[in-house]
Amino acid sequence: MAEIFHFRFPKSLLGTWRSVEDDARSQYSVSIEKGKIVVTGEDYLDGEEYTISNITHGDDRVEFDTFMASTGRAGRLILLATRDSGTAEMRFTFTDITFATKIEGC
């Protein structure tokens, strides 16, 4: 007997996606494996694989956290379906952690 899985998820988001920005190096692949949505990410120029976690999905989107070990850059990516199955809106919010140096004061 075959298992049937129902997703409230736009099938047009299945596949591999890259930003159209000139300086973007990341690509993300969305697939369904064994009844679960799977997301992988990598720097397609040097092959570094990203850690992907906290995958969620809805009627028009897939959301996930991404972490690049080489830079320490962590963020939340939302991939939104558009009317054109060959494009998607990509929203990436990241947290930049740095150090500050006191320049004056007590």
N, C-alpha and C. Protein backbone atom coordinates (compact mmCIF):
# COMPACT_ATOMS: atom_id res chain seq x y z
N MET A 1 0.83 -1.17 0.00
CA MET A 1 0.00 0.00 0.00
C MET A 1 0.89 1.24 0.00
N ALA A 2 0.58 2.18 -0.86
CA ALA A 2 1.37 3.40 -0.98
C ALA A 2 0.95 4.41 0.07
N GLU A 3 1.93 5.14 0.58
CA GLU A 3 1.63 6.22 1.50
C GLU A 3 1.33 7.48 0.69
N ILE A 4 0.37 8.25 1.14
CA ILE A 4 0.00 9.49 0.48
C ILE A 4 0.29 10.63 1.45
N PHE A 5 1.04 11.61 0.98
CA PHE A 5 1.39 12.76 1.80
C PHE A 5 0.74 14.00 1.20
N HIS A 6 0.14 14.82 2.03
CA HIS A 6 -0.48 16.06 1.58
C HIS A 6 0.32 17.23 2.15
N PHE A 7 0.73 18.13 1.25
CA PHE A 7 1.48 19.30 1.67
C PHE A 7 0.70 20.55 1.28
N ARG A 8 0.63 21.48 2.17
CA ARG A 8 0.14 22.82 1.83
C ARG A 8 1.39 23.60 1.48
N PHE A 9 1.81 23.45 0.24
CA PHE A 9 3.13 23.91 -0.16
C PHE A 9 3.12 24.01 -1.69
N PRO A 10 3.61 25.12 -2.25
CA PRO A 10 3.63 25.24 -3.71
C PRO A 10 4.71 24.36 -4.34
N LYS A 11 4.30 23.42 -5.13
CA LYS A 11 5.25 22.50 -5.78
C LYS A 11 6.21 23.25 -6.71
N SER A 12 5.84 24.47 -7.12
CA SER A 12 6.72 25.26 -7.98
C SER A 12 8.03 25.63 -7.27
N LEU A 13 8.07 25.52 -5.94
CA LEU A 13 9.30 25.84 -5.20
C LEU A 13 10.29 24.67 -5.16
N LEU A 14 9.88 23.51 -5.64
CA LEU A 14 10.82 22.39 -5.72
C LEU A 14 11.88 22.71 -6.76
N GLY A 15 13.12 22.39 -6.46
CA GLY A 15 14.22 22.66 -7.38
C GLY A 15 15.34 23.41 -6.70
N THR A 16 16.27 23.90 -7.50
CA THR A 16 17.44 24.63 -6.99
C THR A 16 17.31 26.10 -7.36
N TRP A 17 17.61 26.96 -6.37
CA TRP A 17 17.40 28.39 -6.51
C TRP A 17 18.67 29.17 -6.19
N ARG A 18 18.92 30.23 -6.97
CA ARG A 18 20.01 31.18 -6.73
C ARG A 18 19.45 32.58 -6.82
N SER A 19 20.02 33.48 -6.03
CA SER A 19 19.66 34.90 -6.12
C SER A 19 20.19 35.46 -7.43
N VAL A 20 19.51 36.46 -7.95
CA VAL A 20 19.97 37.11 -9.18
C VAL A 20 20.96 38.24 -8.90
N GLU A 21 21.25 38.50 -7.63
CA GLU A 21 22.22 39.54 -7.27
C GLU A 21 23.62 39.13 -7.73
N ASP A 22 24.39 40.13 -8.17
CA ASP A 22 25.72 39.86 -8.71
C ASP A 22 26.67 39.23 -7.71
N ASP A 23 26.57 39.61 -6.43
CA ASP A 23 27.52 39.12 -5.44
C ASP A 23 27.04 37.89 -4.69
N ALA A 24 25.91 37.33 -5.08
CA ALA A 24 25.38 36.15 -4.38
C ALA A 24 26.17 34.91 -4.77
N ARG A 25 26.47 34.09 -3.78
CA ARG A 25 27.23 32.86 -4.01
C ARG A 25 26.45 31.64 -3.56
N SER A 26 25.29 31.85 -2.98
CA SER A 26 24.53 30.77 -2.37
C SER A 26 23.48 30.21 -3.31
N GLN A 27 23.27 28.91 -3.17
CA GLN A 27 22.14 28.29 -3.84
C GLN A 27 21.49 27.31 -2.87
N TYR A 28 20.19 27.16 -3.00
CA TYR A 28 19.41 26.32 -2.11
C TYR A 28 18.56 25.38 -2.94
N SER A 29 18.50 24.12 -2.52
CA SER A 29 17.69 23.13 -3.21
C SER A 29 16.57 22.67 -2.28
N VAL A 30 15.37 22.60 -2.84
CA VAL A 30 14.18 22.18 -2.10
C VAL A 30 13.66 20.91 -2.76
N SER A 31 13.45 19.87 -1.96
CA SER A 31 12.94 18.61 -2.49
C SER A 31 12.02 17.96 -1.46
N ILE A 32 11.34 16.94 -1.89
CA ILE A 32 10.53 16.13 -0.98
C ILE A 32 11.13 14.73 -1.00
N GLU A 33 11.52 14.26 0.18
CA GLU A 33 12.11 12.94 0.32
C GLU A 33 11.45 12.21 1.47
N LYS A 34 10.94 11.03 1.20
CA LYS A 34 10.28 10.20 2.21
C LYS A 34 9.20 10.98 2.96
N GLY A 35 8.44 11.78 2.24
CA GLY A 35 7.34 12.50 2.82
C GLY A 35 7.69 13.74 3.59
N LYS A 36 8.93 14.21 3.49
CA LYS A 36 9.35 15.42 4.20
C LYS A 36 9.99 16.40 3.23
N ILE A 37 9.81 17.68 3.53
CA ILE A 37 10.49 18.71 2.74
C ILE A 37 11.94 18.79 3.21
N VAL A 38 12.86 18.71 2.26
CA VAL A 38 14.29 18.74 2.55
C VAL A 38 14.89 19.95 1.84
N VAL A 39 15.70 20.70 2.56
CA VAL A 39 16.38 21.86 1.99
C VAL A 39 17.88 21.68 2.21
N THR A 40 18.65 21.89 1.17
CA THR A 40 20.11 21.91 1.28
C THR A 40 20.59 23.26 0.75
N GLY A 41 21.75 23.67 1.21
CA GLY A 41 22.32 24.93 0.75
C GLY A 41 23.82 24.82 0.61
N GLU A 42 24.36 25.60 -0.32
CA GLU A 42 25.80 25.60 -0.52
C GLU A 42 26.27 26.89 -1.18
N ASP A 43 27.55 27.17 -1.00
CA ASP A 43 28.24 28.20 -1.76
C ASP A 43 28.65 27.51 -3.05
N TYR A 44 28.01 27.87 -4.16
CA TYR A 44 28.26 27.16 -5.40
C TYR A 44 29.61 27.48 -6.03
N LEU A 45 30.32 28.49 -5.51
CA LEU A 45 31.65 28.79 -6.04
C LEU A 45 32.73 27.92 -5.41
N ASP A 46 32.62 27.65 -4.09
CA ASP A 46 33.65 26.83 -3.46
C ASP A 46 33.13 25.50 -2.91
N GLY A 47 31.82 25.26 -3.01
CA GLY A 47 31.25 23.98 -2.60
C GLY A 47 30.96 23.84 -1.11
N GLU A 48 31.18 24.90 -0.32
CA GLU A 48 30.91 24.79 1.11
C GLU A 48 29.42 24.52 1.33
N GLU A 49 29.13 23.49 2.10
CA GLU A 49 27.74 23.16 2.42
C GLU A 49 27.31 23.92 3.65
N TYR A 50 26.06 24.40 3.65
CA TYR A 50 25.51 25.13 4.78
C TYR A 50 24.73 24.18 5.68
N THR A 51 24.63 24.55 6.93
CA THR A 51 23.77 23.83 7.86
C THR A 51 22.38 24.45 7.74
N ILE A 52 21.40 23.62 7.43
CA ILE A 52 20.01 24.07 7.28
C ILE A 52 19.19 23.47 8.41
N SER A 53 18.36 24.27 9.06
CA SER A 53 17.53 23.78 10.17
C SER A 53 16.21 24.54 10.21
N ASN A 54 15.33 24.09 11.08
CA ASN A 54 14.05 24.75 11.34
C ASN A 54 13.24 25.02 10.07
N ILE A 55 13.09 23.99 9.24
CA ILE A 55 12.35 24.13 7.99
C ILE A 55 10.85 24.14 8.30
N THR A 56 10.18 25.16 7.78
CA THR A 56 8.73 25.25 7.87
C THR A 56 8.20 25.58 6.48
N HIS A 57 6.91 25.40 6.28
CA HIS A 57 6.34 25.71 4.98
C HIS A 57 4.88 26.10 5.14
N GLY A 58 4.36 26.76 4.11
CA GLY A 58 2.98 27.19 4.11
C GLY A 58 2.44 27.20 2.70
N ASP A 59 1.30 27.83 2.51
CA ASP A 59 0.64 27.83 1.20
C ASP A 59 1.48 28.43 0.08
N ASP A 60 2.35 29.38 0.42
CA ASP A 60 3.10 30.08 -0.62
C ASP A 60 4.59 30.16 -0.35
N ARG A 61 5.10 29.37 0.60
CA ARG A 61 6.48 29.57 1.03
C ARG A 61 7.14 28.34 1.63
N VAL A 62 8.48 28.42 1.68
CA VAL A 62 9.32 27.53 2.47
C VAL A 62 10.25 28.46 3.25
N GLU A 63 10.39 28.20 4.56
CA GLU A 63 11.26 29.02 5.40
C GLU A 63 12.25 28.10 6.11
N PHE A 64 13.45 28.61 6.32
CA PHE A 64 14.46 27.80 7.02
C PHE A 64 15.59 28.69 7.52
N ASP A 65 16.31 28.16 8.52
CA ASP A 65 17.50 28.81 9.03
C ASP A 65 18.70 28.25 8.29
N THR A 66 19.68 29.10 8.05
CA THR A 66 20.88 28.67 7.35
C THR A 66 22.11 29.19 8.10
N PHE A 67 23.16 28.40 8.10
CA PHE A 67 24.40 28.77 8.79
C PHE A 67 25.59 28.41 7.91
N MET A 68 26.48 29.40 7.70
CA MET A 68 27.71 29.20 6.93
C MET A 68 28.87 29.18 7.91
N ALA A 69 29.46 28.01 8.11
CA ALA A 69 30.50 27.85 9.13
C ALA A 69 31.73 28.72 8.86
N SER A 70 32.14 28.87 7.61
CA SER A 70 33.37 29.60 7.32
C SER A 70 33.29 31.08 7.70
N THR A 71 32.10 31.65 7.68
CA THR A 71 31.95 33.07 8.00
C THR A 71 31.21 33.30 9.32
N GLY A 72 30.57 32.26 9.83
CA GLY A 72 29.76 32.41 11.03
C GLY A 72 28.44 33.09 10.76
N ARG A 73 28.10 33.26 9.50
CA ARG A 73 26.88 33.97 9.12
C ARG A 73 25.67 33.05 9.26
N ALA A 74 24.72 33.50 10.06
CA ALA A 74 23.49 32.75 10.27
C ALA A 74 22.32 33.63 9.85
N GLY A 75 21.28 33.01 9.32
CA GLY A 75 20.14 33.81 8.91
C GLY A 75 18.89 32.99 8.74
N ARG A 76 17.84 33.67 8.41
CA ARG A 76 16.54 33.06 8.13
C ARG A 76 16.20 33.39 6.69
N LEU A 77 15.91 32.37 5.89
CA LEU A 77 15.58 32.57 4.49
C LEU A 77 14.13 32.16 4.26
N ILE A 78 13.41 33.01 3.54
CA ILE A 78 12.04 32.72 3.13
C ILE A 78 12.03 32.71 1.61
N LEU A 79 11.59 31.60 1.04
CA LEU A 79 11.44 31.46 -0.40
C LEU A 79 9.95 31.48 -0.70
N LEU A 80 9.50 32.52 -1.40
CA LEU A 80 8.08 32.72 -1.68
C LEU A 80 7.76 32.41 -3.15
N ALA A 81 6.72 31.66 -3.37
CA ALA A 81 6.29 31.35 -4.73
C ALA A 81 5.75 32.61 -5.41
N THR A 82 5.96 32.72 -6.71
CA THR A 82 5.40 33.79 -7.51
C THR A 82 4.51 33.16 -8.58
N ARG A 83 3.88 33.98 -9.36
CA ARG A 83 3.02 33.46 -10.43
C ARG A 83 3.81 32.75 -11.52
N ASP A 84 5.07 33.15 -11.67
CA ASP A 84 5.96 32.53 -12.65
C ASP A 84 6.72 31.41 -11.97
N SER A 85 6.51 30.18 -12.39
CA SER A 85 7.15 29.04 -11.72
C SER A 85 8.66 29.03 -11.86
N GLY A 86 9.20 29.88 -12.74
CA GLY A 86 10.64 29.96 -12.91
C GLY A 86 11.32 30.99 -12.02
N THR A 87 10.53 31.70 -11.23
CA THR A 87 11.09 32.68 -10.30
C THR A 87 10.44 32.51 -8.93
N ALA A 88 11.12 33.00 -7.93
CA ALA A 88 10.59 33.03 -6.57
C ALA A 88 11.17 34.26 -5.89
N GLU A 89 10.47 34.76 -4.91
CA GLU A 89 11.00 35.87 -4.12
C GLU A 89 11.82 35.28 -2.99
N MET A 90 13.03 35.77 -2.81
CA MET A 90 13.92 35.27 -1.77
C MET A 90 14.16 36.38 -0.76
N ARG A 91 13.78 36.13 0.49
CA ARG A 91 14.00 37.10 1.57
C ARG A 91 14.99 36.48 2.56
N PHE A 92 16.11 37.16 2.75
CA PHE A 92 17.13 36.64 3.64
C PHE A 92 17.42 37.68 4.71
N THR A 93 17.26 37.30 5.96
CA THR A 93 17.56 38.16 7.10
C THR A 93 18.67 37.48 7.88
N PHE A 94 19.77 38.21 8.12
CA PHE A 94 20.86 37.59 8.86
C PHE A 94 21.27 38.44 10.05
N THR A 95 21.92 37.79 10.98
CA THR A 95 22.47 38.45 12.15
C THR A 95 23.97 38.53 11.97
N ASP A 96 24.50 39.72 12.02
CA ASP A 96 25.94 39.93 11.88
C ASP A 96 26.50 40.16 13.28
N ILE A 97 27.40 39.33 13.72
CA ILE A 97 28.02 39.46 15.04
C ILE A 97 29.44 39.98 14.85
N THR A 98 29.74 41.06 15.53
CA THR A 98 31.07 41.66 15.42
C THR A 98 31.46 42.19 16.79
N PHE A 99 32.63 42.74 16.93
CA PHE A 99 33.09 43.32 18.18
C PHE A 99 33.17 44.83 18.04
N ALA A 100 33.02 45.52 19.13
CA ALA A 100 33.12 46.98 19.15
C ALA A 100 34.32 47.37 20.00
N THR A 101 34.93 48.49 19.64
CA THR A 101 36.06 49.03 20.40
C THR A 101 35.65 50.38 20.97
N LYS A 102 35.90 50.55 22.26
CA LYS A 102 35.60 51.82 22.90
C LYS A 102 36.57 52.87 22.38
N ILE A 103 36.04 54.00 21.94
CA ILE A 103 36.92 55.04 21.40
C ILE A 103 37.07 56.22 22.33
N GLU A 104 36.20 56.35 23.33
CA GLU A 104 36.37 57.42 24.33
C GLU A 104 35.44 57.14 25.48
N GLY A 105 35.61 57.85 26.55
CA GLY A 105 34.70 57.73 27.69
C GLY A 105 35.35 57.05 28.89
N CYS A 106 34.52 56.76 29.85
CA CYS A 106 34.97 56.24 31.15
C CYS A 106 35.52 54.84 31.05
